[in-house]
Amino acid sequence: MCRKSIEDMSAGDYLRLHRERKNLSLRQLEKITGVPFSTISRMEQNNDTLFSSVVLVANALGISLDTIADLGK
């Protein structure tokens, strides 16, 4: 399996990486954040989601919003 460098990751890839590193399923992250698992899944697939949902998920995963904003530039 070929791993992407952080510079080559999309925001969705980065969120998924951190969720998996914390051994959280989409359903578990849903319970922690209150964000529906389907919304989290769409985030990880780089589909449009509400910024407020991204904030909740990023905070739960310990990810800086600056980092997410810089991905894919």
Protein backbone atom coordinates (compact mmCIF):
# COMPACT_ATOMS: atom_id res chain seq x y z
CA MET A 1 0.00 0.00 0.00
CA CYS A 2 1.32 3.42 -0.94
CA ARG A 3 1.06 6.01 1.80
CA LYS A 4 0.52 9.67 1.00
CA SER A 5 2.65 12.34 2.58
CA ILE A 6 0.74 14.93 4.59
CA GLU A 7 1.41 17.47 1.85
CA ASP A 8 -0.39 15.22 -0.65
CA MET A 9 -3.40 14.51 1.57
CA SER A 10 -6.80 16.04 1.24
CA ALA A 11 -8.58 17.22 4.37
CA GLY A 12 -10.76 14.10 4.18
CA ASP A 13 -7.73 11.80 3.99
CA TYR A 14 -6.24 13.57 7.01
CA LEU A 15 -9.43 13.26 9.06
CA ARG A 16 -9.71 9.55 8.20
CA LEU A 17 -6.06 8.95 9.10
CA HIS A 18 -6.51 10.52 12.53
CA ARG A 19 -9.80 8.74 13.16
CA GLU A 20 -8.19 5.40 12.31
CA ARG A 21 -5.09 6.17 14.41
CA LYS A 22 -7.43 6.65 17.38
CA ASN A 23 -9.13 3.34 16.51
CA LEU A 24 -12.50 5.03 16.18
CA SER A 25 -15.26 3.84 13.90
CA LEU A 26 -17.53 6.34 12.19
CA ARG A 27 -20.28 5.38 14.66
CA GLN A 28 -17.99 5.93 17.66
CA LEU A 29 -16.95 9.34 16.38
CA GLU A 30 -20.62 10.14 15.82
CA LYS A 31 -21.32 9.43 19.50
CA ILE A 32 -18.39 11.61 20.60
CA THR A 33 -19.19 14.58 18.36
CA GLY A 34 -22.93 14.41 17.75
CA VAL A 35 -22.17 14.66 14.02
CA PRO A 36 -24.02 11.96 12.04
CA PHE A 37 -21.73 9.17 10.81
CA SER A 38 -22.95 9.79 7.26
CA THR A 39 -21.71 13.40 7.50
CA ILE A 40 -18.34 12.25 8.82
CA SER A 41 -18.14 9.77 5.96
CA ARG A 42 -18.87 12.55 3.45
CA MET A 43 -16.12 14.66 5.07
CA GLU A 44 -13.66 11.83 4.60
CA GLN A 45 -14.75 11.55 0.96
CA ASN A 46 -14.12 15.30 0.54
CA ASN A 47 -17.74 16.16 -0.10
CA ASP A 48 -19.12 19.50 1.05
CA THR A 49 -20.07 19.61 4.70
CA LEU A 50 -20.92 22.35 7.15
CA PHE A 51 -17.92 24.05 8.68
CA SER A 52 -19.45 23.60 12.13
CA SER A 53 -19.36 19.82 11.61
CA VAL A 54 -15.72 19.95 10.53
CA VAL A 55 -14.90 21.93 13.69
CA LEU A 56 -16.57 19.34 15.93
CA VAL A 57 -14.79 16.41 14.27
CA ALA A 58 -11.40 18.14 14.16
CA ASN A 59 -11.66 19.05 17.84
CA ALA A 60 -12.60 15.49 18.78
CA LEU A 61 -9.59 14.16 16.87
CA GLY A 62 -7.21 16.81 18.21
CA ILE A 63 -6.57 18.33 14.80
CA SER A 64 -5.87 22.02 14.29
CA LEU A 65 -8.22 23.82 11.91
CA ASP A 66 -5.16 25.60 10.51
CA THR A 67 -3.74 22.24 9.49
CA ILE A 68 -6.96 21.25 7.75
CA ALA A 69 -7.17 24.60 5.99
CA ASP A 70 -3.60 24.21 4.71
CA LEU A 71 -4.18 20.74 3.23
CA GLY A 72 -4.63 20.58 -0.50
CA LYS A 73 -3.28 24.08 -1.14
